[in-house]
Protein backbone atom coordinates (compact mmCIF):
# COMPACT_ATOMS: atom_id res chain seq x y z
CA MET A 1 0.00 0.00 0.00
CA SER A 2 1.40 3.39 -0.93
CA ARG A 3 1.94 6.25 1.51
CA SER A 4 -0.78 8.30 -0.24
CA ASP A 5 -3.25 5.38 0.11
CA ILE A 6 -2.45 5.14 3.81
CA LEU A 7 -2.84 8.93 4.14
CA GLN A 8 -6.33 8.81 2.61
CA ILE A 9 -7.43 6.09 5.04
CA VAL A 10 -5.87 7.93 7.99
CA LYS A 11 -7.67 11.15 6.95
CA LYS A 12 -11.04 9.37 6.84
CA ILE A 13 -10.49 7.84 10.27
CA LEU A 14 -9.36 11.14 11.79
CA GLU A 15 -12.38 12.95 10.36
CA ARG A 16 -14.68 10.45 12.07
CA PHE A 17 -13.25 11.46 15.43
CA THR A 18 -13.33 15.23 14.99
CA GLN A 19 -16.31 17.52 15.32
CA GLU A 20 -16.00 18.85 11.78
CA LYS A 21 -14.39 18.00 8.49
CA HIS A 22 -10.75 18.94 8.15
CA PRO A 23 -10.02 19.00 4.43
CA ASN A 24 -6.50 20.22 5.11
CA ILE A 25 -5.28 17.20 7.07
CA GLU A 26 -1.73 16.73 5.86
CA GLU A 27 1.41 15.05 7.16
CA ASP A 28 2.31 18.04 9.32
CA THR A 29 -1.11 18.10 11.04
CA ILE A 30 -0.72 17.77 14.82
CA LEU A 31 -3.45 15.64 16.41
CA SER A 32 -3.85 17.64 19.62
CA THR A 33 -3.41 21.24 18.50
CA ASP A 34 -4.65 21.15 14.91
CA LEU A 35 -7.49 18.65 15.34
CA GLY A 36 -8.28 19.19 19.02
CA LEU A 37 -7.92 15.52 19.91
CA ASN A 38 -7.14 14.45 23.46
CA SER A 39 -5.36 11.29 24.61
CA PHE A 40 -8.64 9.38 24.92
CA ASP A 41 -9.50 10.30 21.31
CA VAL A 42 -6.08 9.12 20.16
CA VAL A 43 -6.55 5.75 21.85
CA ASN A 44 -9.90 5.33 20.05
CA ILE A 45 -8.30 6.36 16.77
CA VAL A 46 -5.54 3.81 17.27
CA VAL A 47 -8.19 1.11 17.74
CA ALA A 48 -9.73 2.22 14.42
CA PHE A 49 -6.27 2.02 12.77
CA GLU A 50 -5.78 -1.47 14.19
CA ASP A 51 -9.12 -2.59 12.76
CA GLU A 52 -8.60 -0.92 9.38
CA PHE A 53 -5.02 -2.08 8.82
CA ASP A 54 -5.33 -5.41 10.67
CA ILE A 55 -2.38 -4.71 12.95
CA GLU A 56 -1.80 -4.38 16.67
CA ILE A 57 -0.25 -1.19 17.98
CA PRO A 58 1.35 -1.53 21.42
CA ASP A 59 0.40 1.09 24.01
CA SER A 60 4.03 2.15 24.21
CA ASP A 61 3.92 3.23 20.54
CA ILE A 62 0.77 5.33 20.89
CA LYS A 63 2.58 8.12 22.75
CA ASN A 64 4.82 8.62 19.70
CA MET A 65 1.85 9.39 17.45
CA GLN A 66 1.64 13.15 17.72
CA SER A 67 1.21 14.04 14.04
CA VAL A 68 -0.17 12.52 10.87
CA LYS A 69 3.43 12.03 9.72
CA ASP A 70 4.15 9.98 12.85
CA ILE A 71 1.18 7.76 12.03
CA LEU A 72 2.18 7.33 8.38
CA ASP A 73 5.78 6.52 9.30
CA TYR A 74 4.56 3.95 11.82
CA MET A 75 2.17 2.33 9.34
CA GLU A 76 4.87 2.14 6.66
CA ASN A 77 7.20 0.45 9.13
CA GLN A 78 4.50 -2.15 9.75
CA GLU A 79 4.59 -3.01 6.04
CA ILE A 80 0.86 -2.86 5.53
């Protein structure tokens, strides 16, 4: 799966967890400040990523997911 394919899926998942659509979600988007997500939201989003990509993300890796780029880098390293 290409990075742009992963980005499109990540965008759709993130939009489900925000109050409004964010058409400008890009790699440099920060989950907390740009999207207003808290740590509980991020945990729920990670569960959605696990379901969508059929992977398991350890709790210790969640804290490193601060931006969309962090998520994409992580997913690419999982070789989805």
